[in-house]
Amino acid sequence: MKWLSKLLIFVGLIIAVIAGLAVWQRFASWEDEFSYRVEATFDENGTPIVGSNVVHITVRRNIPCVGMCGYTIVVQGQAIPVKLSNGKYVFVLLGVDDHSFRAGNMPFQAFRALPPYKKISELPHTPVSVPPEYIPTIIYLDDLTNPGSAVIANQDNLQTLVGENVRLTSVSVKLTNEPVSTGIDKLLPWTKKQEVAQTSNGNISTSHGLYPETDNRAKPLQSDYARFLKRNDW
């Protein structure tokens, strides 16, 4: 029976090493964690309309790494639904209309943690304006039940899409201890579908610079915009 005891000890050691490595990787890779409130202000015929949501971000260093380490941005949150006076909605997405709809870009570019602060989570909880190039992408859905009807709404076409004199005036962010916003699936039930959640991190680089309502090459990508209405990377 000695061989059995030795085998059990060996297996126990392997399990302990694996568990130890898992715990080490989890804590060694942690870099920063913070929640922030995004506030988007629109002007409709002289009346301000404000929408806001809270998003949570965790920054993790990729382990193992040699030399320069890569980082993973883990996002939990949802887009901001903004209801206009005629009952139509526009949605301020989690992503930015760059080459990969990176949800992490906007807060990092807005907050810009600098000495004496080493991490964004250490910054004061005061509002900061988002630079124009990192303004979150805004979409309009002609049919709220159809994610394929999503089109990008910009300053040039927003009024035409919604049928009202509307323009985006500002976007700001501030650190907060408030809970992450939820409830968008009550307005858009199809965001609960697993296939939407599974592709929420997809890279849609071919959509860069294309507007689905004017460019036929982008038509198949319309539903991709809607995938950035909700993120839960946990």
C-alpha atoms as a PDB file:
ATOM      1  CA  MET A   1       0.000   0.000   0.000  1.00  0.00           C
ATOM      2  CA  LYS A   2       3.060   2.245   0.137  1.00  0.00           C
ATOM      3  CA  TRP A   3       2.803   2.903  -3.578  1.00  0.00           C
ATOM      4  CA  LEU A   4      -0.787   4.113  -3.117  1.00  0.00           C
ATOM      5  CA  SER A   5       0.267   6.520  -0.356  1.00  0.00           C
ATOM      6  CA  LYS A   6       3.074   7.853  -2.536  1.00  0.00           C
ATOM      7  CA  LEU A   7       0.676   8.245  -5.466  1.00  0.00           C
ATOM      8  CA  LEU A   8      -1.797  10.166  -3.346  1.00  0.00           C
ATOM      9  CA  ILE A   9       0.962  12.417  -2.040  1.00  0.00           C
ATOM     10  CA  PHE A  10       2.195  13.026  -5.604  1.00  0.00           C
ATOM     11  CA  VAL A  11      -1.313  13.832  -6.855  1.00  0.00           C
ATOM     12  CA  GLY A  12      -1.868  16.107  -3.855  1.00  0.00           C
ATOM     13  CA  LEU A  13       1.334  17.997  -4.614  1.00  0.00           C
ATOM     14  CA  ILE A  14       0.318  18.477  -8.248  1.00  0.00           C
ATOM     15  CA  ILE A  15      -3.099  19.804  -7.212  1.00  0.00           C
ATOM     16  CA  ALA A  16      -1.475  22.147  -4.679  1.00  0.00           C
ATOM     17  CA  VAL A  17       0.956  23.490  -7.290  1.00  0.00           C
ATOM     18  CA  ILE A  18      -1.826  24.062  -9.828  1.00  0.00           C
ATOM     19  CA  ALA A  19      -3.989  25.786  -7.214  1.00  0.00           C
ATOM     20  CA  GLY A  20      -1.048  27.898  -6.103  1.00  0.00           C
ATOM     21  CA  LEU A  21      -0.263  28.973  -9.654  1.00  0.00           C
ATOM     22  CA  ALA A  22      -3.917  29.865 -10.262  1.00  0.00           C
ATOM     23  CA  VAL A  23      -4.033  32.033  -7.120  1.00  0.00           C
ATOM     24  CA  TRP A  24      -0.676  33.640  -7.956  1.00  0.00           C
ATOM     25  CA  GLN A  25      -1.729  34.426 -11.515  1.00  0.00           C
ATOM     26  CA  ARG A  26      -4.993  35.961 -10.360  1.00  0.00           C
ATOM     27  CA  PHE A  27      -3.386  38.319  -7.858  1.00  0.00           C
ATOM     28  CA  ALA A  28      -0.141  38.948  -9.737  1.00  0.00           C
ATOM     29  CA  SER A  29      -2.037  39.971 -12.854  1.00  0.00           C
ATOM     30  CA  TRP A  30      -4.326  42.474 -11.117  1.00  0.00           C
ATOM     31  CA  GLU A  31      -3.464  46.090 -11.984  1.00  0.00           C
ATOM     32  CA  ASP A  32      -6.419  48.368 -11.331  1.00  0.00           C
ATOM     33  CA  GLU A  33     -10.181  48.333 -10.836  1.00  0.00           C
ATOM     34  CA  PHE A  34     -12.673  51.181 -10.942  1.00  0.00           C
ATOM     35  CA  SER A  35     -16.240  52.186 -11.790  1.00  0.00           C
ATOM     36  CA  TYR A  36     -17.098  55.335 -13.714  1.00  0.00           C
ATOM     37  CA  ARG A  37     -20.265  57.166 -14.669  1.00  0.00           C
ATOM     38  CA  VAL A  38     -20.623  58.273 -18.281  1.00  0.00           C
ATOM     39  CA  GLU A  39     -22.914  61.259 -18.796  1.00  0.00           C
ATOM     40  CA  ALA A  40     -24.023  62.268 -22.299  1.00  0.00           C
ATOM     41  CA  THR A  41     -25.849  65.572 -22.772  1.00  0.00           C
ATOM     42  CA  PHE A  42     -27.943  66.281 -25.850  1.00  0.00           C
ATOM     43  CA  ASP A  43     -29.721  69.473 -26.862  1.00  0.00           C
ATOM     44  CA  GLU A  44     -33.202  69.120 -28.334  1.00  0.00           C
ATOM     45  CA  ASN A  45     -34.642  72.442 -29.490  1.00  0.00           C
ATOM     46  CA  GLY A  46     -32.852  74.232 -26.666  1.00  0.00           C
ATOM     47  CA  THR A  47     -33.811  71.700 -23.977  1.00  0.00           C
ATOM     48  CA  PRO A  48     -31.022  69.587 -22.438  1.00  0.00           C
ATOM     49  CA  ILE A  49     -31.549  65.824 -22.330  1.00  0.00           C
ATOM     50  CA  VAL A  50     -29.097  63.944 -20.133  1.00  0.00           C
ATOM     51  CA  GLY A  51     -28.446  60.202 -20.091  1.00  0.00           C
ATOM     52  CA  SER A  52     -25.935  58.384 -17.892  1.00  0.00           C
ATOM     53  CA  ASN A  53     -24.809  54.920 -16.836  1.00  0.00           C
ATOM     54  CA  VAL A  54     -22.197  53.352 -14.579  1.00  0.00           C
ATOM     55  CA  VAL A  55     -19.584  50.979 -16.057  1.00  0.00           C
ATOM     56  CA  HIS A  56     -17.004  48.871 -14.226  1.00  0.00           C
ATOM     57  CA  ILE A  57     -13.508  48.103 -15.523  1.00  0.00           C
ATOM     58  CA  THR A  58     -10.781  45.785 -14.273  1.00  0.00           C
ATOM     59  CA  VAL A  59      -7.271  45.951 -15.731  1.00  0.00           C
ATOM     60  CA  ARG A  60      -5.255  42.734 -15.664  1.00  0.00           C
ATOM     61  CA  ARG A  61      -1.683  42.108 -16.738  1.00  0.00           C
ATOM     62  CA  ASN A  62      -1.311  39.072 -18.966  1.00  0.00           C
ATOM     63  CA  ILE A  63       0.641  36.379 -17.090  1.00  0.00           C
ATOM     64  CA  PRO A  64       3.160  35.001 -17.879  1.00  0.00           C
ATOM     65  CA  CYS A  65       4.918  37.822 -19.680  1.00  0.00           C
ATOM     66  CA  VAL A  66       8.521  38.502 -20.620  1.00  0.00           C
ATOM     67  CA  GLY A  67       9.726  42.020 -21.282  1.00  0.00           C
ATOM     68  CA  MET A  68       6.712  44.123 -22.270  1.00  0.00           C
ATOM     69  CA  CYS A  69       3.471  42.802 -20.779  1.00  0.00           C
ATOM     70  CA  GLY A  70       0.108  42.940 -22.468  1.00  0.00           C
ATOM     71  CA  TYR A  71      -3.036  43.952 -20.618  1.00  0.00           C
ATOM     72  CA  THR A  72      -6.619  42.761 -20.670  1.00  0.00           C
ATOM     73  CA  ILE A  73      -9.472  45.203 -20.084  1.00  0.00           C
ATOM     74  CA  VAL A  74     -12.454  43.480 -18.476  1.00  0.00           C
ATOM     75  CA  VAL A  75     -15.698  45.423 -18.910  1.00  0.00           C
ATOM     76  CA  GLN A  76     -19.064  45.167 -17.211  1.00  0.00           C
ATOM     77  CA  GLY A  77     -21.857  47.571 -18.117  1.00  0.00           C
ATOM     78  CA  GLN A  78     -24.289  48.683 -20.779  1.00  0.00           C
ATOM     79  CA  ALA A  79     -24.937  51.485 -23.216  1.00  0.00           C
ATOM     80  CA  ILE A  80     -26.873  54.628 -22.300  1.00  0.00           C
ATOM     81  CA  PRO A  81     -30.425  54.764 -23.688  1.00  0.00           C
ATOM     82  CA  VAL A  82     -31.475  58.369 -24.304  1.00  0.00           C
ATOM     83  CA  LYS A  83     -35.191  58.974 -24.908  1.00  0.00           C
ATOM     84  CA  LEU A  84     -36.173  61.959 -27.043  1.00  0.00           C
ATOM     85  CA  SER A  85     -39.417  63.936 -26.820  1.00  0.00           C
ATOM     86  CA  ASN A  86     -40.945  62.038 -29.760  1.00  0.00           C
ATOM     87  CA  GLY A  87     -40.408  58.696 -27.993  1.00  0.00           C
ATOM     88  CA  LYS A  88     -37.439  57.638 -30.136  1.00  0.00           C
ATOM     89  CA  TYR A  89     -34.187  56.439 -28.574  1.00  0.00           C
ATOM     90  CA  VAL A  90     -30.521  56.839 -29.339  1.00  0.00           C
ATOM     91  CA  PHE A  91     -27.949  54.660 -27.574  1.00  0.00           C
ATOM     92  CA  VAL A  92     -24.493  55.787 -26.447  1.00  0.00           C
ATOM     93  CA  LEU A  93     -22.445  52.608 -26.821  1.00  0.00           C
ATOM     94  CA  LEU A  94     -19.761  51.158 -24.586  1.00  0.00           C
ATOM     95  CA  GLY A  95     -17.322  51.274 -27.477  1.00  0.00           C
ATOM     96  CA  VAL A  96     -15.678  53.930 -29.590  1.00  0.00           C
ATOM     97  CA  ASP A  97     -15.997  53.804 -33.369  1.00  0.00           C
ATOM     98  CA  ASP A  98     -12.322  53.099 -33.952  1.00  0.00           C
ATOM     99  CA  HIS A  99     -10.732  49.990 -35.406  1.00  0.00           C
ATOM    100  CA  SER A 100     -11.963  47.704 -32.637  1.00  0.00           C
ATOM    101  CA  PHE A 101     -14.766  49.422 -30.687  1.00  0.00           C
ATOM    102  CA  ARG A 102     -12.556  49.358 -27.615  1.00  0.00           C
ATOM    103  CA  ALA A 103     -14.683  49.963 -24.540  1.00  0.00           C
ATOM    104  CA  GLY A 104     -11.534  50.578 -22.512  1.00  0.00           C
ATOM    105  CA  ASN A 105     -10.152  53.434 -24.603  1.00  0.00           C
ATOM    106  CA  MET A 106     -12.546  56.183 -23.625  1.00  0.00           C
ATOM    107  CA  PRO A 107     -12.143  56.249 -19.828  1.00  0.00           C
ATOM    108  CA  PHE A 108      -8.371  55.836 -19.974  1.00  0.00           C
ATOM    109  CA  GLN A 109      -7.980  58.688 -22.452  1.00  0.00           C
ATOM    110  CA  ALA A 110     -10.360  60.878 -20.436  1.00  0.00           C
ATOM    111  CA  PHE A 111      -8.876  60.282 -16.988  1.00  0.00           C
ATOM    112  CA  ARG A 112      -5.182  60.119 -17.947  1.00  0.00           C
ATOM    113  CA  ALA A 113      -3.786  59.000 -14.577  1.00  0.00           C
ATOM    114  CA  LEU A 114      -0.613  61.031 -13.951  1.00  0.00           C
ATOM    115  CA  PRO A 115       1.783  61.518 -10.990  1.00  0.00           C
ATOM    116  CA  PRO A 116       1.200  61.648  -8.080  1.00  0.00           C
ATOM    117  CA  TYR A 117      -1.519  59.164  -9.080  1.00  0.00           C
ATOM    118  CA  LYS A 118      -0.359  55.782 -10.305  1.00  0.00           C
ATOM    119  CA  LYS A 119      -3.797  54.309 -11.018  1.00  0.00           C
ATOM    120  CA  ILE A 120      -7.076  55.654 -12.300  1.00  0.00           C
ATOM    121  CA  SER A 121      -8.795  54.340  -9.172  1.00  0.00           C
ATOM    122  CA  GLU A 122      -6.705  56.806  -7.136  1.00  0.00           C
ATOM    123  CA  LEU A 123      -7.935  59.897  -9.007  1.00  0.00           C
ATOM    124  CA  PRO A 124     -10.433  62.388  -7.522  1.00  0.00           C
ATOM    125  CA  HIS A 125     -14.138  61.677  -8.154  1.00  0.00           C
ATOM    126  CA  THR A 126     -14.699  64.804 -10.247  1.00  0.00           C
ATOM    127  CA  PRO A 127     -16.198  65.017 -13.782  1.00  0.00           C
ATOM    128  CA  VAL A 128     -13.782  65.036 -16.707  1.00  0.00           C
ATOM    129  CA  SER A 129     -14.682  65.887 -20.306  1.00  0.00           C
ATOM    130  CA  VAL A 130     -14.093  63.134 -22.862  1.00  0.00           C
ATOM    131  CA  PRO A 131     -11.768  64.169 -25.738  1.00  0.00           C
ATOM    132  CA  PRO A 132     -13.656  64.466 -29.073  1.00  0.00           C
ATOM    133  CA  GLU A 133     -11.764  61.555 -30.642  1.00  0.00           C
ATOM    134  CA  TYR A 134     -12.885  59.258 -27.811  1.00  0.00           C
ATOM    135  CA  ILE A 135     -16.557  60.182 -27.710  1.00  0.00           C
ATOM    136  CA  PRO A 136     -18.507  56.895 -27.522  1.00  0.00           C
ATOM    137  CA  THR A 137     -20.257  55.815 -30.694  1.00  0.00           C
ATOM    138  CA  ILE A 138     -23.982  56.597 -30.812  1.00  0.00           C
ATOM    139  CA  ILE A 139     -26.429  54.389 -32.678  1.00  0.00           C
ATOM    140  CA  TYR A 140     -30.071  54.683 -33.632  1.00  0.00           C
ATOM    141  CA  LEU A 141     -32.363  51.705 -34.113  1.00  0.00           C
ATOM    142  CA  ASP A 142     -35.231  52.345 -36.493  1.00  0.00           C
ATOM    143  CA  ASP A 143     -36.867  49.230 -35.022  1.00  0.00           C
ATOM    144  CA  LEU A 144     -36.067  48.488 -31.361  1.00  0.00           C
ATOM    145  CA  THR A 145     -36.955  44.845 -31.889  1.00  0.00           C
ATOM    146  CA  ASN A 146     -34.450  44.440 -34.734  1.00  0.00           C
ATOM    147  CA  PRO A 147     -30.705  44.753 -33.951  1.00  0.00           C
ATOM    148  CA  GLY A 148     -30.041  44.729 -37.686  1.00  0.00           C
ATOM    149  CA  SER A 149     -31.685  48.155 -37.996  1.00  0.00           C
ATOM    150  CA  ALA A 150     -28.846  49.823 -36.062  1.00  0.00           C
ATOM    151  CA  VAL A 151     -27.058  52.709 -37.757  1.00  0.00           C
ATOM    152  CA  ILE A 152     -24.400  55.076 -36.498  1.00  0.00           C
ATOM    153  CA  ALA A 153     -25.826  58.456 -35.506  1.00  0.00           C
ATOM    154  CA  ASN A 154     -23.369  61.323 -35.880  1.00  0.00           C
ATOM    155  CA  GLN A 155     -23.671  65.097 -35.853  1.00  0.00           C
ATOM    156  CA  ASP A 156     -24.384  65.105 -39.598  1.00  0.00           C
ATOM    157  CA  ASN A 157     -27.241  62.626 -39.711  1.00  0.00           C
ATOM    158  CA  LEU A 158     -28.683  62.609 -36.165  1.00  0.00           C
ATOM    159  CA  GLN A 159     -31.502  65.044 -36.889  1.00  0.00           C
ATOM    160  CA  THR A 160     -32.482  63.187 -40.056  1.00  0.00           C
ATOM    161  CA  LEU A 161     -32.578  59.845 -38.259  1.00  0.00           C
ATOM    162  CA  VAL A 162     -34.630  60.894 -35.240  1.00  0.00           C
ATOM    163  CA  GLY A 163     -36.778  63.558 -36.904  1.00  0.00           C
ATOM    164  CA  GLU A 164     -35.987  66.200 -34.302  1.00  0.00           C
ATOM    165  CA  ASN A 165     -33.552  69.105 -33.910  1.00  0.00           C
ATOM    166  CA  VAL A 166     -31.109  67.188 -31.720  1.00  0.00           C
ATOM    167  CA  ARG A 167     -27.358  67.423 -31.237  1.00  0.00           C
ATOM    168  CA  LEU A 168     -24.827  65.990 -28.819  1.00  0.00           C
ATOM    169  CA  THR A 169     -23.311  68.770 -26.706  1.00  0.00           C
ATOM    170  CA  SER A 170     -20.965  66.971 -24.302  1.00  0.00           C
ATOM    171  CA  VAL A 171     -19.817  63.692 -22.776  1.00  0.00           C
ATOM    172  CA  SER A 172     -18.163  63.489 -19.377  1.00  0.00           C
ATOM    173  CA  VAL A 173     -16.934  60.744 -17.065  1.00  0.00           C
ATOM    174  CA  LYS A 174     -16.290  60.603 -13.342  1.00  0.00           C
ATOM    175  CA  LEU A 175     -15.181  57.903 -10.955  1.00  0.00           C
ATOM    176  CA  THR A 176     -17.902  56.577  -8.689  1.00  0.00           C
ATOM    177  CA  ASN A 177     -18.666  53.919  -6.105  1.00  0.00           C
ATOM    178  CA  GLU A 178     -22.166  53.389  -7.475  1.00  0.00           C
ATOM    179  CA  PRO A 179     -23.286  49.962  -8.727  1.00  0.00           C
ATOM    180  CA  VAL A 180     -23.091  49.057 -12.409  1.00  0.00           C
ATOM    181  CA  SER A 181     -26.167  50.091 -14.410  1.00  0.00           C
ATOM    182  CA  THR A 182     -28.564  47.403 -15.614  1.00  0.00           C
ATOM    183  CA  GLY A 183     -31.973  47.153 -17.249  1.00  0.00           C
ATOM    184  CA  ILE A 184     -31.292  47.716 -20.936  1.00  0.00           C
ATOM    185  CA  ASP A 185     -32.718  44.269 -21.690  1.00  0.00           C
ATOM    186  CA  LYS A 186     -36.130  45.559 -20.581  1.00  0.00           C
ATOM    187  CA  LEU A 187     -36.028  48.024 -23.455  1.00  0.00           C
ATOM    188  CA  LEU A 188     -34.199  45.683 -25.851  1.00  0.00           C
ATOM    189  CA  PRO A 189     -35.078  42.093 -24.813  1.00  0.00           C
ATOM    190  CA  TRP A 190     -32.944  40.572 -27.570  1.00  0.00           C
ATOM    191  CA  THR A 191     -29.755  41.705 -25.746  1.00  0.00           C
ATOM    192  CA  LYS A 192     -30.309  38.702 -23.457  1.00  0.00           C
ATOM    193  CA  LYS A 193     -29.609  36.303 -26.314  1.00  0.00           C
ATOM    194  CA  GLN A 194     -26.461  34.251 -25.830  1.00  0.00           C
ATOM    195  CA  GLU A 195     -25.203  34.769 -29.366  1.00  0.00           C
ATOM    196  CA  VAL A 196     -25.144  38.535 -28.832  1.00  0.00           C
ATOM    197  CA  ALA A 197     -23.226  38.211 -25.556  1.00  0.00           C
ATOM    198  CA  GLN A 198     -20.712  35.762 -27.012  1.00  0.00           C
ATOM    199  CA  THR A 199     -19.705  38.112 -29.815  1.00  0.00           C
ATOM    200  CA  SER A 200     -19.649  41.301 -27.755  1.00  0.00           C
ATOM    201  CA  ASN A 201     -15.843  41.380 -27.848  1.00  0.00           C
ATOM    202  CA  GLY A 202     -15.600  40.715 -31.569  1.00  0.00           C
ATOM    203  CA  ASN A 203     -13.257  42.847 -33.639  1.00  0.00           C
ATOM    204  CA  ILE A 204     -15.193  44.571 -36.419  1.00  0.00           C
ATOM    205  CA  SER A 205     -12.285  46.481 -37.886  1.00  0.00           C
ATOM    206  CA  THR A 206     -13.775  46.448 -41.387  1.00  0.00           C
ATOM    207  CA  SER A 207     -16.487  48.830 -40.186  1.00  0.00           C
ATOM    208  CA  HIS A 208     -13.983  51.645 -39.605  1.00  0.00           C
ATOM    209  CA  GLY A 209     -15.213  54.819 -41.266  1.00  0.00           C
ATOM    210  CA  LEU A 210     -18.296  53.194 -42.761  1.00  0.00           C
ATOM    211  CA  TYR A 211     -21.847  54.328 -42.137  1.00  0.00           C
ATOM    212  CA  PRO A 212     -24.405  51.587 -42.809  1.00  0.00           C
ATOM    213  CA  GLU A 213     -27.128  53.961 -43.997  1.00  0.00           C
ATOM    214  CA  THR A 214     -24.927  55.296 -46.790  1.00  0.00           C
ATOM    215  CA  ASP A 215     -22.429  52.545 -47.602  1.00  0.00           C
ATOM    216  CA  ASN A 216     -23.720  49.236 -48.961  1.00  0.00           C
ATOM    217  CA  ARG A 217     -20.474  47.476 -48.041  1.00  0.00           C
ATOM    218  CA  ALA A 218     -21.296  48.040 -44.364  1.00  0.00           C
ATOM    219  CA  LYS A 219     -24.838  46.655 -44.483  1.00  0.00           C
ATOM    220  CA  PRO A 220     -23.875  43.221 -43.077  1.00  0.00           C
ATOM    221  CA  LEU A 221     -22.155  44.952 -40.157  1.00  0.00           C
ATOM    222  CA  GLN A 222     -25.190  46.804 -38.829  1.00  0.00           C
ATOM    223  CA  SER A 223     -25.955  44.177 -36.206  1.00  0.00           C
ATOM    224  CA  ASP A 224     -22.348  44.394 -34.972  1.00  0.00           C
ATOM    225  CA  TYR A 225     -22.966  47.880 -33.614  1.00  0.00           C
ATOM    226  CA  ALA A 226     -25.771  46.531 -31.455  1.00  0.00           C
ATOM    227  CA  ARG A 227     -23.422  44.021 -29.835  1.00  0.00           C
ATOM    228  CA  PHE A 228     -21.815  46.870 -27.925  1.00  0.00           C
ATOM    229  CA  LEU A 229     -25.014  47.721 -26.109  1.00  0.00           C
ATOM    230  CA  LYS A 230     -24.084  45.366 -23.296  1.00  0.00           C
ATOM    231  CA  ARG A 231     -20.863  43.870 -21.946  1.00  0.00           C
ATOM    232  CA  ASN A 232     -20.330  41.392 -19.156  1.00  0.00           C
ATOM    233  CA  ASP A 233     -16.840  39.902 -19.491  1.00  0.00           C
ATOM    234  CA  TRP A 234     -17.030  38.116 -16.147  1.00  0.00           C
END
